[in-house]
Each structure stands twice: as C-alpha cells, then as structure tokens.
Amino acid sequence: MKRSVLALLLLAALGHGSVALAQSGAAAPADKAGYDGALAKRLGANENGMRSYVLVILRTGPKPVPKGKARDAMFAGHFANIARLAAAGKLVLAGPFGEHNGDWRGLFLLAVDDVEQARLLTATDPVIAQGEMIAEYHAWYGSAAAMMLPELHERLVAPR
C-alpha cells in the first residue's frame, strides 16, 4: 500500500503527462513549442523527457544507535553524505517519512542508471554502514525534470 501511494505521489509531483507519452511509445516532437533541447541534454532526458533513477527507501535497521554523541555523530555524517551526493549531482530528492510510517524512515531519489551504482553511493552513509537503517533499492523511470529539484530547493532556503 505504501509503495502504491508513494508511486502515485511521485507521478503526480513530476507530471503524469510525460509518463503517458513515454508509455504510448510516441516520440517527443522536436518542433514542439517550448521544447528546450539544451535543458533536456543537461538533465539527461531521453526523447520523451524521461530518464532512469533509483529510488532508495530507508527502513529501520537491525542495530539502532542509542541517543548520545555516537548517534549525533552518525546523523551528522548522514547529512554530510546527503550534501556530498547532492553536490555531485547524484541526489535528486531526500527526506524523512512522518513518525507514523512503521519502519519506513526516509527516501533518496538517485540519478543513476542502476541499483548497483546506488548501492555504491549509499554504502558510505553512516546510518546504513552502522545498521541504524537498511536501504531498499528500486529502479525507477521518471521525468528528467526531477533533476531540477535540488536547484529549485536552493532557491527556497532562506539565508541564515
């Protein structure tokens, strides 16, 4: 159920029109008004405006780290890893789930072609390495426009 809801939310957020186009097999017309070939190339879009990603669901792991300095350091490393992946252009979206989602803790949407690449990128995350969380990997095909989320997010963060 949670997977279905998550998939629907992602499709709604990224625009279902491009998904319908991709599923129909129709190619995006090169002369379509508003088409930006340079943007499509920068975002890694195919002719349908789509690209491959890996959705990583972070779930409660077998080794919870108790509150204290070690846990604080682990989460500082987790956020540093998120920042590193975002700066490298590999992390498109990240965030926690609410308190009442069972063992679902958070998610990453990674701009990589396959699950093995995602495993390599997340293996250095302290919450995964220390067993606080486990990662579940799912290949996902969606709008290349999602690649713009980090750029747009930066424009929304108030100066400190």
Protein backbone atom coordinates (compact mmCIF):
# COMPACT_ATOMS: atom_id res chain seq x y z
CA MET A 1 0.00 0.00 0.00
CA LYS A 2 2.74 2.47 0.96
CA ARG A 3 4.58 1.73 -2.28
CA SER A 4 1.45 2.43 -4.32
CA VAL A 5 0.82 5.69 -2.50
CA LEU A 6 4.47 6.73 -2.90
CA ALA A 7 4.42 5.91 -6.62
CA LEU A 8 1.24 7.92 -7.13
CA LEU A 9 2.67 10.88 -5.23
CA LEU A 10 5.86 10.84 -7.28
CA LEU A 11 3.93 10.62 -10.53
CA ALA A 12 1.67 13.48 -9.51
CA ALA A 13 4.60 15.62 -8.41
CA LEU A 14 6.54 15.07 -11.60
CA GLY A 15 3.65 15.32 -14.05
CA HIS A 16 1.78 12.35 -15.40
CA GLY A 17 1.67 13.72 -18.95
CA SER A 18 5.25 12.75 -19.68
CA VAL A 19 4.60 9.28 -18.28
CA ALA A 20 1.63 8.84 -20.59
CA LEU A 21 3.76 9.97 -23.53
CA ALA A 22 6.51 7.52 -22.58
CA GLN A 23 4.04 4.67 -22.18
CA SER A 24 2.45 5.41 -25.55
CA GLY A 25 5.83 4.99 -27.26
CA ALA A 26 5.39 8.29 -29.07
CA ALA A 27 8.49 10.39 -29.53
CA ALA A 28 8.52 13.97 -28.31
CA PRO A 29 8.25 16.23 -31.37
CA ALA A 30 11.44 18.22 -31.97
CA ASP A 31 9.42 21.24 -33.09
CA LYS A 32 7.13 21.22 -30.03
CA ALA A 33 6.58 24.76 -28.77
CA GLY A 34 8.59 25.32 -25.62
CA TYR A 35 10.91 22.33 -26.15
CA ASP A 36 14.37 23.13 -24.77
CA GLY A 37 16.91 20.73 -26.24
CA ALA A 38 19.78 22.18 -24.21
CA LEU A 39 17.83 21.68 -20.97
CA ALA A 40 16.88 18.15 -21.99
CA LYS A 41 20.55 17.35 -22.58
CA ARG A 42 21.64 18.92 -19.27
CA LEU A 43 19.06 16.88 -17.34
CA GLY A 44 19.84 13.62 -19.14
CA ALA A 45 16.40 13.40 -20.72
CA ASN A 46 15.64 10.96 -23.49
CA GLU A 47 13.36 11.89 -26.41
CA ASN A 48 10.34 11.51 -24.14
CA GLY A 49 11.73 13.79 -21.42
CA MET A 50 12.39 10.80 -19.16
CA ARG A 51 15.42 9.21 -17.52
CA SER A 52 16.45 6.40 -15.17
CA TYR A 53 16.71 6.80 -11.41
CA VAL A 54 16.96 4.55 -8.38
CA LEU A 55 14.51 5.09 -5.54
CA VAL A 56 16.03 4.16 -2.20
CA ILE A 57 13.68 3.52 0.71
CA LEU A 58 15.43 3.80 4.07
CA ARG A 59 13.94 1.49 6.66
CA THR A 60 14.66 0.85 10.33
CA GLY A 61 17.73 -1.35 10.59
CA PRO A 62 18.76 -4.11 12.96
CA LYS A 63 21.21 -2.03 15.03
CA PRO A 64 19.62 1.13 16.46
CA VAL A 65 22.23 3.52 17.84
CA PRO A 66 21.24 4.83 21.29
CA LYS A 67 20.82 8.57 21.89
CA GLY A 68 24.08 10.31 22.65
CA LYS A 69 27.28 11.51 21.00
CA ALA A 70 27.68 8.44 18.78
CA ARG A 71 24.16 8.84 17.38
CA ASP A 72 24.65 12.58 16.88
CA ALA A 73 27.92 11.93 15.01
CA MET A 74 26.27 9.22 12.90
CA PHE A 75 23.48 11.57 11.81
CA ALA A 76 25.95 14.42 11.18
CA GLY A 77 27.72 12.02 8.81
CA HIS A 78 24.38 11.05 7.24
CA PHE A 79 23.60 14.70 6.46
CA ALA A 80 27.14 15.28 5.19
CA ASN A 81 26.72 12.28 2.87
CA ILE A 82 23.43 13.72 1.60
CA ALA A 83 25.16 17.05 0.91
CA ARG A 84 28.03 15.27 -0.88
CA LEU A 85 25.67 13.31 -3.12
CA ALA A 86 23.64 16.42 -3.91
CA ALA A 87 26.78 18.41 -4.77
CA ALA A 88 27.88 15.61 -7.09
CA GLY A 89 24.53 15.79 -8.92
CA LYS A 90 23.59 12.25 -7.88
CA LEU A 91 20.95 13.01 -5.23
CA VAL A 92 17.73 14.42 -6.64
CA LEU A 93 15.48 14.18 -3.61
CA ALA A 94 15.82 13.14 0.03
CA GLY A 95 13.69 13.36 3.10
CA PRO A 96 12.21 11.56 6.08
CA PHE A 97 8.79 9.99 6.38
CA GLY A 98 6.50 11.02 9.21
CA GLU A 99 6.50 9.45 12.64
CA HIS A 100 3.66 7.02 11.91
CA ASN A 101 5.02 5.15 8.91
CA GLY A 102 6.11 1.96 10.66
CA ASP A 103 9.69 1.15 9.77
CA TRP A 104 9.86 3.47 6.75
CA ARG A 105 12.35 6.17 7.75
CA GLY A 106 13.08 8.15 4.59
CA LEU A 107 13.95 8.09 0.92
CA PHE A 108 16.55 9.07 -1.62
CA LEU A 109 15.96 9.51 -5.34
CA LEU A 110 19.32 8.96 -7.02
CA ALA A 111 20.18 9.96 -10.59
CA VAL A 112 21.96 6.74 -11.52
CA ASP A 113 21.32 4.10 -14.15
CA ASP A 114 21.16 1.02 -11.97
CA VAL A 115 20.78 -0.35 -8.47
CA GLU A 116 24.46 -1.32 -8.16
CA GLN A 117 25.53 2.32 -8.65
CA ALA A 118 23.02 3.35 -5.97
CA ARG A 119 24.40 0.72 -3.57
CA LEU A 120 27.91 2.09 -4.03
CA LEU A 121 26.77 5.66 -3.37
CA THR A 122 24.81 4.81 -0.23
CA ALA A 123 27.31 2.32 1.24
CA THR A 124 29.28 5.20 2.75
CA ASP A 125 26.27 6.65 4.56
CA PRO A 126 26.85 6.16 8.30
CA VAL A 127 23.21 5.28 9.07
CA ILE A 128 23.45 2.39 6.60
CA ALA A 129 27.03 1.39 7.42
CA GLN A 130 26.23 1.26 11.15
CA GLY A 131 22.93 -0.61 10.74
CA GLU A 132 20.64 2.15 12.05
CA MET A 133 18.85 1.92 8.70
CA ILE A 134 18.75 -0.51 5.82
CA ALA A 135 18.29 0.53 2.21
CA GLU A 136 15.80 -0.96 -0.23
CA TYR A 137 16.59 -0.20 -3.89
CA HIS A 138 14.09 0.15 -6.74
CA ALA A 139 14.84 1.07 -10.35
CA TRP A 140 12.54 3.92 -11.38
CA TYR A 141 11.88 5.64 -14.69
CA GLY A 142 10.50 9.16 -14.45
CA SER A 143 10.56 12.71 -15.69
CA ALA A 144 14.01 14.21 -16.14
CA ALA A 145 12.50 17.41 -14.72
CA ALA A 146 13.05 15.88 -11.27
CA MET A 147 16.74 16.73 -11.78
CA MET A 148 15.78 20.37 -11.25
CA LEU A 149 14.51 19.79 -7.69
CA PRO A 150 17.87 20.45 -5.95
CA GLU A 151 18.33 23.69 -7.90
CA LEU A 152 14.80 24.83 -7.11
CA HIS A 153 15.12 23.80 -3.46
CA GLU A 154 18.18 26.02 -3.01
CA ARG A 155 16.09 29.00 -4.14
CA LEU A 156 13.60 28.28 -1.34
CA VAL A 157 16.06 28.02 1.58
CA ALA A 158 16.10 31.32 3.46
CA PRO A 159 19.51 32.91 4.14
CA ARG A 160 20.90 32.42 7.63
